[in-house]
Amino acid sequence: MIRLLALGVAVAAVLLPPNPAAAIEPRSLSEPDVLRDPAEVTRVVDAWQDGGGMDLHFTLAYQHNWKRATILRETRLPDVAAGAGERSAVVPVARFSENTSRLNVRAELGLYHDLALILRVPIVLSNSVSLEASGLGAAALDAAPGDPLFTLPFSSPNRSGVEYLGVGVDWGILNQGRDGLSPSLLVGAEGRLSVLSEPMHACGRGAPTAAAASAPMRCTYPADINRNGVGGEYPSELGSLEGALPTEPRRAGVGRGTTGIELHAAISRRFAWLEPFLVLSASFELPVEASDFDGARPWNENPPVQGRFSLGTEIVPWELVEQFQRISFDLRLTGTYRSAGLDYSELFDALGSSAAISYRRPSFAGYRANPDESNRAAVPSVVDGGSQRVFPTGLTEVGAHGSYALRLAARWQAGQYVHFDAGGALTLIGEHLITLGRPCDASRPAAAERAGPCAPGGVYGPSASGSPDPSYRAETDQPGRRFLVDTARSIDAWVGATVMF
């Protein structure tokens, strides 16, 4: 009996194929590199590995984005919205539409082992924004009675140019392909420089006239109150409200006018034909002097800080190791949080090019003690006519909000030196305020003779404190007159190719 059992075991060992090992086997020097590549999120261009030289990957991709949203506005006018009065009602005023075509250029140079230098140049081929009347439309767009902020329909100029120059490094701390007991882990950083781009400036058409049904597109300076290109107008007891204007024409631009810094980390682990991954990133921006952010102003609000996570998996249903061929799919869910801050909103061009005199008149940055001593107790401070004049630029304080995106991408690695990519993503952006300025900056304390309307008991009430914020515009920032964006929808689609040397 024992002999028969031993004979059966021996036959089974010969006829049945062995089970594959769960762990990754040690690699030979001749094994193709395709299996050594982790998921895209943790892949690093290699250099001087296994006796090879310096690697260079060059990627060219075309991307198109469609974004749609509804613009809302708060109102307390009963004749505009039923039920409005002491409490604000929210009414739709416009449909927002933005289309962007972009060419993404990327170069990755392996510096040493799993350390790579990354260069990115996003080139905006075309960017256009339009606003169409929706709901109450013009009935709820006034800055002051009879003085509309902008008219509908509205269209922005067609922008194009280099968005920024991205310079970064990626470091693959761990690589599962070289150590089967470890996951693949990547950390990296990228600086986004505005050296090749013109910062965005608000542009729009003026009001139609009897001579022309459609005025030309103009990008006027914020200090040009009536948008006629001539400075030194609008005299007042404090001097000309406009001042001198630059002689060169203003361009629409396409960059954000900031220096951005982005930090990211990603981890993945392959199990058979699945490679789950997690990506975390954070980014913040510093204004450059040439932009409308004007970072030197003490009251200036900083651009938003952004945090992002992605959770997903790369699926590899087919690969031919000997021929360096592979088909893979990248499926991920991304969540993004964007803090409150000064930003380009859906109404950037419409508000920045507004012809409403009540909105475009400047605010003065400083206050001084009331020279009328007999009235100083009641009015401790007055406007300092010698202080800086602050004009609306189109940049507004945008409220904090979140977004969620579902992304699916496919990659076909056709051989050792080339792969092709295609994909799409759907993003939902949560409702948020886009004109959220505050009249008083509590972070900058001020004495009563310099606090202006922010002094206790002043225009803004007993709870007000700090220094006045001259970028505040009651016409759009005051509760009951603010603008919001309803849940926005954004769709991305892209195709690209990478050559690997």
Protein backbone atom coordinates (compact mmCIF):
# COMPACT_ATOMS: atom_id res chain seq x y z
CA MET A 1 0.00 0.00 0.00
CA ILE A 2 2.80 2.36 0.93
CA ARG A 3 4.57 1.53 -2.35
CA LEU A 4 1.43 2.31 -4.39
CA LEU A 5 1.01 5.67 -2.60
CA ALA A 6 4.64 6.61 -3.24
CA LEU A 7 4.25 5.65 -6.93
CA GLY A 8 1.11 7.86 -7.23
CA VAL A 9 2.88 10.87 -5.72
CA ALA A 10 5.78 10.43 -8.12
CA VAL A 11 3.47 10.26 -11.18
CA ALA A 12 1.53 13.36 -10.03
CA ALA A 13 4.75 15.30 -9.58
CA VAL A 14 5.71 14.53 -13.17
CA LEU A 15 2.34 15.11 -14.87
CA LEU A 16 0.94 18.14 -12.97
CA PRO A 17 2.53 21.59 -13.58
CA PRO A 18 3.97 23.28 -10.52
CA ASN A 19 2.02 26.12 -8.87
CA PRO A 20 3.46 29.58 -9.59
CA ALA A 21 5.37 31.18 -6.72
CA ALA A 22 3.51 33.94 -4.94
CA ALA A 23 6.64 36.01 -4.41
CA ILE A 24 8.52 37.80 -7.19
CA GLU A 25 11.49 35.74 -8.33
CA PRO A 26 14.97 37.25 -8.55
CA ARG A 27 15.54 38.93 -11.92
CA SER A 28 18.23 38.01 -14.36
CA LEU A 29 20.22 40.71 -16.14
CA SER A 30 18.69 39.66 -19.46
CA GLU A 31 15.06 39.96 -18.32
CA PRO A 32 13.16 42.68 -20.25
CA ASP A 33 12.57 45.96 -18.42
CA VAL A 34 8.82 45.99 -19.02
CA LEU A 35 8.18 43.87 -15.92
CA ARG A 36 10.46 46.04 -13.85
CA ASP A 37 8.23 49.08 -14.42
CA PRO A 38 5.76 49.67 -11.59
CA ALA A 39 2.45 51.49 -11.99
CA GLU A 40 2.62 54.84 -13.74
CA VAL A 41 2.22 56.73 -10.45
CA THR A 42 5.40 55.19 -8.98
CA ARG A 43 7.47 54.84 -12.14
CA VAL A 44 10.81 56.68 -12.25
CA VAL A 45 13.07 57.00 -15.27
CA ASP A 46 16.21 55.00 -14.51
CA ALA A 47 19.88 55.79 -15.04
CA TRP A 48 23.09 53.75 -14.86
CA GLN A 49 21.21 50.68 -13.69
CA ASP A 50 22.44 47.18 -14.51
CA GLY A 51 25.26 48.55 -16.61
CA GLY A 52 22.98 50.77 -18.76
CA GLY A 53 23.35 54.45 -19.54
CA MET A 54 21.29 57.54 -18.88
CA ASP A 55 17.61 57.19 -19.87
CA LEU A 56 15.45 59.89 -21.42
CA HIS A 57 11.68 59.75 -21.91
CA PHE A 58 9.91 62.37 -24.02
CA THR A 59 6.10 62.69 -23.95
CA LEU A 60 3.78 64.70 -26.14
CA ALA A 61 0.05 64.69 -25.30
CA TYR A 62 -3.05 66.58 -26.39
CA GLN A 63 -5.72 67.33 -23.78
CA HIS A 64 -9.14 68.94 -24.06
CA ASN A 65 -11.27 70.15 -21.17
CA TRP A 66 -14.95 71.08 -21.10
CA LYS A 67 -16.25 72.84 -17.97
CA ARG A 68 -19.87 73.80 -17.33
CA ALA A 69 -21.49 75.47 -14.31
CA THR A 70 -24.38 77.67 -13.23
CA ILE A 71 -23.62 81.08 -11.72
CA LEU A 72 -25.88 82.07 -8.82
CA ARG A 73 -26.28 85.31 -6.90
CA GLU A 74 -27.67 86.23 -3.53
CA THR A 75 -30.37 88.88 -3.50
CA ARG A 76 -32.59 90.61 -0.96
CA LEU A 77 -34.80 92.35 -3.50
CA PRO A 78 -38.42 91.09 -3.29
CA ASP A 79 -39.07 92.16 -6.88
CA VAL A 80 -36.17 89.92 -8.03
CA ALA A 81 -36.88 86.80 -5.96
CA ALA A 82 -40.05 85.90 -4.12
CA GLY A 83 -39.38 85.55 -0.41
CA ALA A 84 -36.29 87.80 -0.44
CA GLY A 85 -36.09 90.57 2.13
CA GLU A 86 -34.23 90.48 5.41
CA ARG A 87 -32.96 87.05 4.41
CA SER A 88 -31.12 86.42 1.16
CA ALA A 89 -32.47 84.32 -1.65
CA VAL A 90 -30.18 82.61 -4.18
CA VAL A 91 -31.15 82.90 -7.84
CA PRO A 92 -29.49 81.64 -11.06
CA VAL A 93 -28.14 84.40 -13.30
CA ALA A 94 -25.87 82.82 -15.93
CA ARG A 95 -24.62 79.59 -17.51
CA PHE A 96 -20.84 79.31 -17.51
CA SER A 97 -18.97 77.49 -20.27
CA GLU A 98 -15.21 77.06 -20.68
CA ASN A 99 -13.29 75.10 -23.33
CA THR A 100 -9.54 74.56 -23.14
CA SER A 101 -7.19 72.79 -25.55
CA ARG A 102 -3.73 72.06 -24.21
CA LEU A 103 -0.52 70.48 -25.50
CA ASN A 104 1.43 68.85 -22.67
CA VAL A 105 5.17 68.49 -23.26
CA ARG A 106 7.13 66.40 -20.74
CA ALA A 107 10.73 65.26 -20.58
CA GLU A 108 12.13 62.87 -17.94
CA LEU A 109 15.87 62.43 -17.55
CA GLY A 110 17.34 59.74 -15.32
CA LEU A 111 20.05 61.26 -13.15
CA TYR A 112 21.19 58.33 -11.02
CA HIS A 113 19.49 54.99 -10.40
CA ASP A 114 15.93 55.92 -9.31
CA LEU A 115 16.38 59.70 -9.30
CA ALA A 116 14.93 61.60 -12.26
CA LEU A 117 14.72 65.21 -13.41
CA ILE A 118 11.27 66.19 -14.77
CA LEU A 119 10.59 69.10 -17.12
CA ARG A 120 6.99 69.99 -18.07
CA VAL A 121 5.68 72.70 -20.37
CA PRO A 122 1.85 72.88 -20.66
CA ILE A 123 1.00 74.95 -23.74
CA VAL A 124 -2.53 76.33 -23.93
CA LEU A 125 -3.58 76.18 -27.56
CA SER A 126 -6.98 77.72 -26.95
CA ASN A 127 -8.98 78.85 -23.91
CA SER A 128 -12.36 80.54 -24.18
CA VAL A 129 -15.07 81.40 -21.65
CA SER A 130 -18.67 82.41 -22.28
CA LEU A 131 -21.62 83.37 -20.09
CA GLU A 132 -25.21 83.01 -21.23
CA ALA A 133 -28.28 84.40 -19.48
CA SER A 134 -30.05 81.92 -17.23
CA GLY A 135 -32.87 82.39 -14.77
CA LEU A 136 -33.17 86.06 -13.87
CA GLY A 137 -30.07 87.03 -15.88
CA ALA A 138 -29.67 90.81 -16.18
CA ALA A 139 -32.30 91.50 -13.52
CA ALA A 140 -29.86 90.44 -10.79
CA LEU A 141 -26.54 91.71 -12.16
CA ASP A 142 -26.54 95.32 -10.94
CA ALA A 143 -23.65 96.78 -8.95
CA ALA A 144 -25.93 99.69 -8.09
CA PRO A 145 -29.48 100.37 -9.32
CA GLY A 146 -29.27 100.89 -13.08
CA ASP A 147 -25.51 100.15 -13.18
CA PRO A 148 -24.97 96.51 -14.30
CA LEU A 149 -21.70 94.79 -13.49
CA PHE A 150 -21.66 93.16 -16.92
CA THR A 151 -24.09 92.32 -19.68
CA LEU A 152 -25.09 88.94 -21.06
CA PRO A 153 -24.12 87.19 -23.23
CA PHE A 154 -20.47 87.69 -22.29
CA SER A 155 -17.36 86.19 -23.86
CA SER A 156 -13.69 86.33 -22.91
CA PRO A 157 -10.76 86.57 -25.35
CA ASN A 158 -9.34 83.38 -26.83
CA ARG A 159 -6.18 82.87 -24.76
CA SER A 160 -3.11 80.88 -25.80
CA GLY A 161 0.50 80.51 -24.74
CA VAL A 162 2.77 78.72 -22.27
CA GLU A 163 0.98 78.18 -18.97
CA TYR A 164 4.12 77.63 -16.87
CA LEU A 165 7.49 75.90 -16.81
CA GLY A 166 7.53 72.93 -14.46
CA VAL A 167 10.86 71.75 -13.07
CA GLY A 168 10.88 68.86 -10.60
CA VAL A 169 12.53 65.70 -9.34
CA ASP A 170 11.15 62.24 -8.60
CA TRP A 171 12.90 59.73 -6.37
CA GLY A 172 11.93 56.09 -6.25
CA ILE A 173 12.84 55.18 -2.68
CA LEU A 174 11.61 51.60 -3.07
CA ASN A 175 11.00 49.48 -6.16
CA GLN A 176 9.14 46.19 -6.02
CA GLY A 177 10.80 45.07 -9.24
CA ARG A 178 14.19 45.03 -7.53
CA ASP A 179 13.02 43.91 -4.11
CA GLY A 180 9.99 41.66 -4.11
CA LEU A 181 9.46 42.11 -0.38
CA SER A 182 8.92 45.88 -0.69
CA PRO A 183 6.25 48.00 -2.41
CA SER A 184 7.13 50.71 -4.91
CA LEU A 185 7.42 54.09 -3.19
CA LEU A 186 8.01 57.47 -4.86
CA VAL A 187 8.40 61.00 -3.52
CA GLY A 188 8.85 64.13 -5.57
CA ALA A 189 8.55 67.89 -5.84
CA GLU A 190 7.90 70.32 -8.68
CA GLY A 191 8.31 74.07 -9.04
CA ARG A 192 5.98 75.82 -11.47
CA LEU A 193 7.58 78.98 -12.78
CA SER A 194 5.95 81.84 -14.67
CA VAL A 195 9.13 82.72 -16.58
CA LEU A 196 7.65 81.78 -19.98
CA SER A 197 4.09 83.02 -19.46
CA GLU A 198 2.20 86.30 -19.34
CA PRO A 199 -0.07 86.53 -16.27
CA MET A 200 -3.79 86.55 -17.01
CA HIS A 201 -5.48 89.94 -17.15
CA ALA A 202 -9.21 90.49 -17.28
CA CYS A 203 -10.60 91.33 -20.71
CA GLY A 204 -14.05 91.87 -22.17
CA ARG A 205 -16.14 93.86 -24.59
CA GLY A 206 -17.56 97.24 -23.72
CA ALA A 207 -21.23 98.05 -23.89
CA PRO A 208 -22.71 98.24 -27.43
CA THR A 209 -23.15 101.73 -28.83
CA ALA A 210 -25.32 103.29 -31.49
CA ALA A 211 -22.37 103.16 -33.89
CA ALA A 212 -21.42 99.54 -33.22
CA ALA A 213 -23.60 96.65 -32.15
CA SER A 214 -20.54 94.89 -30.69
CA ALA A 215 -17.63 96.71 -29.07
CA PRO A 216 -14.09 95.38 -29.61
CA MET A 217 -12.42 93.11 -27.06
CA ARG A 218 -10.26 95.17 -24.70
CA CYS A 219 -7.87 94.31 -21.89
CA THR A 220 -7.81 97.52 -19.90
CA TYR A 221 -5.78 98.43 -16.84
CA PRO A 222 -7.65 98.30 -13.52
CA ALA A 223 -7.01 102.03 -12.97
CA ASP A 224 -8.86 102.89 -16.20
CA ILE A 225 -12.23 103.42 -14.53
CA ASN A 226 -14.25 104.14 -17.68
CA ARG A 227 -12.20 101.76 -19.86
CA ASN A 228 -11.40 104.36 -22.53
CA GLY A 229 -7.61 103.98 -22.39
CA VAL A 230 -7.06 107.53 -21.13
CA GLY A 231 -5.72 108.19 -17.63
CA GLY A 232 -5.96 111.16 -15.29
CA GLU A 233 -9.75 111.40 -15.36
CA TYR A 234 -12.38 111.48 -12.62
CA PRO A 235 -11.05 114.37 -10.52
CA SER A 236 -12.19 114.50 -6.90
CA GLU A 237 -11.32 116.30 -3.70
CA LEU A 238 -8.65 113.61 -3.23
CA GLY A 239 -7.16 114.14 -6.69
CA SER A 240 -7.63 112.20 -9.92
CA LEU A 241 -9.08 108.80 -9.18
CA GLU A 242 -7.49 107.24 -12.24
CA GLY A 243 -3.93 108.49 -12.23
CA ALA A 244 -1.53 107.77 -15.10
CA LEU A 245 -1.83 104.65 -17.24
CA PRO A 246 0.97 102.64 -18.92
CA THR A 247 1.42 103.39 -22.59
CA GLU A 248 1.78 99.78 -23.77
CA PRO A 249 -1.43 97.82 -24.37
CA ARG A 250 -2.42 95.17 -21.85
CA ARG A 251 -2.46 91.57 -23.02
CA ALA A 252 -4.88 88.85 -21.98
CA GLY A 253 -2.16 86.42 -20.84
CA VAL A 254 -2.61 82.77 -19.93
CA GLY A 255 -0.48 82.12 -16.81
CA ARG A 256 -1.60 82.29 -13.18
CA GLY A 257 0.98 84.91 -12.25
CA THR A 258 2.37 82.82 -9.41
CA THR A 259 5.28 80.57 -8.55
CA GLY A 260 3.79 77.24 -7.59
CA ILE A 261 5.32 74.48 -5.47
CA GLU A 262 3.87 70.97 -5.54
CA LEU A 263 4.89 68.05 -3.29
CA HIS A 264 3.74 64.49 -3.94
CA ALA A 265 4.20 60.91 -2.77
CA ALA A 266 2.87 57.64 -4.18
CA ILE A 267 2.97 54.00 -3.13
CA SER A 268 1.91 50.89 -5.10
CA ARG A 269 2.16 47.11 -4.85
CA ARG A 270 1.55 44.64 -7.65
CA PHE A 271 -0.46 41.46 -7.08
CA ALA A 272 -0.63 39.33 -10.25
CA TRP A 273 -2.43 41.56 -12.80
CA LEU A 274 -3.49 44.27 -10.30
CA GLU A 275 -1.35 47.04 -8.82
CA PRO A 276 -3.29 49.13 -6.26
CA PHE A 277 -1.84 52.55 -5.46
CA LEU A 278 -2.30 55.63 -3.30
CA VAL A 279 -1.14 59.14 -4.24
CA LEU A 280 -0.99 62.18 -1.95
CA SER A 281 -0.06 65.70 -3.02
CA ALA A 282 -0.15 69.30 -1.78
CA SER A 283 0.51 72.53 -3.62
CA PHE A 284 0.68 76.21 -2.84
CA GLU A 285 1.48 79.38 -4.76
CA LEU A 286 3.44 82.59 -4.23
CA PRO A 287 2.40 85.66 -6.27
CA VAL A 288 4.90 87.22 -8.67
CA GLU A 289 5.26 90.99 -8.86
CA ALA A 290 4.05 91.29 -12.46
CA SER A 291 0.63 89.79 -11.70
CA ASP A 292 -2.56 91.34 -10.37
CA PHE A 293 -2.04 89.46 -7.10
CA ASP A 294 0.48 92.16 -6.13
CA GLY A 295 1.99 90.15 -3.29
CA ALA A 296 3.71 93.22 -1.77
CA ARG A 297 0.41 94.61 -0.45
CA PRO A 298 0.02 93.99 3.29
CA TRP A 299 -3.71 93.30 2.95
CA ASN A 300 -3.26 90.90 0.08
CA GLU A 301 -4.89 87.50 0.48
CA ASN A 302 -2.75 84.59 -0.65
CA PRO A 303 -3.78 82.19 -3.41
CA PRO A 304 -5.45 78.97 -2.24
CA VAL A 305 -3.61 75.95 -0.88
CA GLN A 306 -4.61 72.65 -2.46
CA GLY A 307 -4.49 69.10 -1.12
CA ARG A 308 -5.27 65.98 -3.15
CA PHE A 309 -5.46 62.22 -2.77
CA SER A 310 -5.94 59.52 -5.38
CA LEU A 311 -6.87 55.92 -4.72
CA GLY A 312 -6.92 53.43 -7.56
CA THR A 313 -5.36 50.50 -9.30
CA GLU A 314 -3.45 49.76 -12.47
CA ILE A 315 -4.77 46.70 -14.29
CA VAL A 316 -2.42 44.70 -16.55
CA PRO A 317 -4.56 42.12 -18.39
CA TRP A 318 -1.99 41.33 -21.10
CA GLU A 319 1.78 41.52 -21.58
CA LEU A 320 4.45 39.83 -23.67
CA VAL A 321 7.64 40.06 -21.68
CA GLU A 322 10.01 38.96 -24.44
CA GLN A 323 8.64 41.59 -26.86
CA PHE A 324 8.41 44.44 -24.31
CA GLN A 325 4.67 44.74 -24.92
CA ARG A 326 1.91 45.47 -22.43
CA ILE A 327 -1.65 46.77 -22.22
CA SER A 328 -2.65 48.40 -18.94
CA PHE A 329 -5.54 50.42 -17.54
CA ASP A 330 -5.38 53.07 -14.82
CA LEU A 331 -8.59 53.47 -12.81
CA ARG A 332 -8.59 55.98 -9.96
CA LEU A 333 -10.80 58.17 -7.78
CA THR A 334 -9.36 61.56 -6.82
CA GLY A 335 -10.52 63.93 -4.11
CA THR A 336 -9.28 67.53 -3.93
CA TYR A 337 -9.66 70.22 -1.28
CA ARG A 338 -8.98 73.85 -2.21
CA SER A 339 -8.80 76.36 0.61
CA ALA A 340 -10.26 79.87 0.51
CA GLY A 341 -8.02 82.44 -1.15
CA LEU A 342 -7.61 85.05 -3.84
CA ASP A 343 -8.13 83.28 -7.14
CA TYR A 344 -9.30 83.34 -10.75
CA SER A 345 -13.00 82.52 -10.66
CA GLU A 346 -15.62 81.84 -13.31
CA LEU A 347 -16.37 85.60 -13.29
CA PHE A 348 -12.74 86.75 -13.55
CA ASP A 349 -13.05 88.39 -16.96
CA ALA A 350 -16.63 89.58 -16.46
CA LEU A 351 -15.89 91.40 -13.18
CA GLY A 352 -12.38 92.52 -14.10
CA SER A 353 -13.60 94.16 -17.31
CA SER A 354 -16.79 95.55 -15.74
CA ALA A 355 -17.91 98.97 -16.97
CA ALA A 356 -19.93 99.68 -13.78
CA ILE A 357 -18.53 102.96 -12.43
CA SER A 358 -19.82 102.23 -8.93
CA TYR A 359 -17.79 99.00 -8.93
CA ARG A 360 -14.63 100.26 -10.65
CA ARG A 361 -14.04 103.32 -8.45
CA PRO A 362 -10.96 102.76 -6.26
CA SER A 363 -10.78 102.17 -2.54
CA PHE A 364 -8.01 103.92 -0.62
CA ALA A 365 -5.66 101.69 1.36
CA GLY A 366 -5.12 104.00 4.31
CA TYR A 367 -6.93 106.13 6.88
CA ARG A 368 -5.65 108.99 9.06
CA ALA A 369 -6.85 110.83 12.13
CA ASN A 370 -9.76 113.14 11.52
CA PRO A 371 -8.34 116.69 11.28
CA ASP A 372 -11.63 118.07 12.63
CA GLU A 373 -10.98 117.74 16.34
CA SER A 374 -14.53 118.77 17.21
CA ASN A 375 -15.88 115.73 15.37
CA ARG A 376 -13.04 113.31 16.12
CA ALA A 377 -14.91 111.54 18.88
CA ALA A 378 -17.72 110.56 16.51
CA VAL A 379 -15.53 110.07 13.42
CA PRO A 380 -12.00 109.21 14.59
CA SER A 381 -10.52 108.65 11.10
CA VAL A 382 -10.96 109.74 7.50
CA VAL A 383 -9.65 108.48 4.17
CA ASP A 384 -5.98 109.22 3.52
CA GLY A 385 -5.95 110.60 -0.02
CA GLY A 386 -2.21 110.00 -0.28
CA SER A 387 -2.49 106.26 0.30
CA GLN A 388 -2.52 103.65 -2.43
CA ARG A 389 -5.62 103.40 -4.59
CA VAL A 390 -6.89 99.85 -5.04
CA PHE A 391 -8.94 98.92 -8.11
CA PRO A 392 -10.82 95.68 -8.86
CA THR A 393 -8.79 93.38 -11.09
CA GLY A 394 -11.18 90.43 -11.52
CA LEU A 395 -9.37 88.36 -8.89
CA THR A 396 -11.76 87.64 -6.03
CA GLU A 397 -11.77 85.85 -2.71
CA VAL A 398 -13.05 82.35 -3.54
CA GLY A 399 -14.51 80.16 -0.81
CA ALA A 400 -13.09 76.79 0.20
CA HIS A 401 -14.51 73.84 -1.71
CA GLY A 402 -13.88 70.25 -2.68
CA SER A 403 -14.05 68.22 -5.88
CA TYR A 404 -14.14 64.55 -6.88
CA ALA A 405 -12.89 63.02 -10.11
CA LEU A 406 -13.20 59.57 -11.67
CA ARG A 407 -10.40 58.83 -14.13
CA LEU A 408 -9.81 55.99 -16.58
CA ALA A 409 -6.70 55.80 -18.76
CA ALA A 410 -5.33 53.12 -21.07
CA ARG A 411 -1.74 52.48 -22.12
CA TRP A 412 -0.38 50.35 -24.93
CA GLN A 413 3.32 49.72 -24.75
CA ALA A 414 4.01 48.76 -28.34
CA GLY A 415 7.67 47.94 -27.85
CA GLN A 416 10.81 48.68 -25.92
CA TYR A 417 11.00 52.34 -26.93
CA VAL A 418 7.45 53.65 -27.31
CA HIS A 419 4.04 53.61 -25.63
CA PHE A 420 0.72 55.31 -26.36
CA ASP A 421 -1.84 56.67 -23.88
CA ALA A 422 -5.48 57.73 -23.97
CA GLY A 423 -7.97 58.51 -21.24
CA GLY A 424 -10.68 60.64 -19.77
CA ALA A 425 -11.89 62.00 -16.44
CA LEU A 426 -15.14 63.36 -15.02
CA THR A 427 -14.85 65.92 -12.20
CA LEU A 428 -17.60 67.32 -9.97
CA ILE A 429 -16.76 70.57 -8.15
CA GLY A 430 -18.83 71.46 -5.09
CA GLU A 431 -20.90 74.62 -4.77
CA HIS A 432 -18.92 77.57 -3.36
CA LEU A 433 -18.85 81.35 -3.11
CA ILE A 434 -16.67 83.17 -5.63
CA THR A 435 -16.97 86.70 -4.16
CA LEU A 436 -16.17 86.29 -0.48
CA GLY A 437 -14.23 89.43 0.40
CA ARG A 438 -14.32 90.69 3.98
CA PRO A 439 -14.27 94.40 4.86
CA CYS A 440 -11.95 94.13 7.86
CA ASP A 441 -8.70 92.21 8.27
CA ALA A 442 -8.54 91.13 11.90
CA SER A 443 -4.97 89.86 11.45
CA ARG A 444 -3.75 93.48 11.09
CA PRO A 445 -4.74 95.40 14.23
CA ALA A 446 -5.17 99.15 13.82
CA ALA A 447 -5.67 102.09 16.16
CA ALA A 448 -9.04 103.87 16.03
CA GLU A 449 -7.62 106.78 13.99
CA ARG A 450 -6.45 104.33 11.30
CA ALA A 451 -9.21 101.74 11.42
CA GLY A 452 -11.71 103.71 9.34
CA PRO A 453 -15.05 101.89 9.10
CA CYS A 454 -13.53 98.89 10.95
CA ALA A 455 -13.32 100.80 14.26
CA PRO A 456 -15.72 99.45 16.91
CA GLY A 457 -19.06 101.12 16.42
CA GLY A 458 -18.18 102.06 12.82
CA VAL A 459 -19.95 101.19 9.60
CA TYR A 460 -19.40 97.46 10.04
CA GLY A 461 -20.75 97.25 13.59
CA PRO A 462 -19.37 96.73 17.08
CA SER A 463 -17.83 93.34 16.25
CA ALA A 464 -15.59 94.73 13.50
CA SER A 465 -11.87 94.90 14.21
CA GLY A 466 -8.56 95.23 12.42
CA SER A 467 -7.57 97.24 9.37
CA PRO A 468 -9.85 97.91 6.39
CA ASP A 469 -9.30 95.65 3.39
CA PRO A 470 -9.36 97.96 0.35
CA SER A 471 -9.92 95.04 -2.02
CA TYR A 472 -13.37 94.51 -0.46
CA ARG A 473 -16.23 95.45 -2.83
CA ALA A 474 -19.63 95.83 -1.23
CA GLU A 475 -21.23 95.53 -4.70
CA THR A 476 -20.21 91.86 -4.90
CA ASP A 477 -18.83 90.84 -1.46
CA GLN A 478 -21.57 92.02 0.86
CA PRO A 479 -23.90 89.24 2.09
CA GLY A 480 -27.03 89.45 -0.01
CA ARG A 481 -25.05 90.48 -3.12
CA ARG A 482 -22.45 87.72 -3.41
CA PHE A 483 -21.95 85.36 -6.36
CA LEU A 484 -21.76 81.57 -6.12
CA VAL A 485 -21.03 78.67 -8.43
CA ASP A 486 -23.39 75.72 -8.36
CA THR A 487 -21.94 72.22 -8.69
CA ALA A 488 -19.66 72.44 -11.72
CA ARG A 489 -18.91 69.59 -14.12
CA SER A 490 -15.60 69.19 -15.87
CA ILE A 491 -14.68 66.57 -18.49
CA ASP A 492 -11.12 65.87 -19.64
CA ALA A 493 -9.99 63.75 -22.57
CA TRP A 494 -6.44 63.18 -23.76
CA VAL A 495 -4.19 61.19 -26.09
CA GLY A 496 -0.42 61.03 -26.08
CA ALA A 497 2.74 59.16 -26.99
CA THR A 498 6.05 58.62 -25.22
CA VAL A 499 9.41 57.82 -26.78
CA MET A 500 11.92 56.15 -24.44
CA PHE A 501 15.64 56.37 -25.18
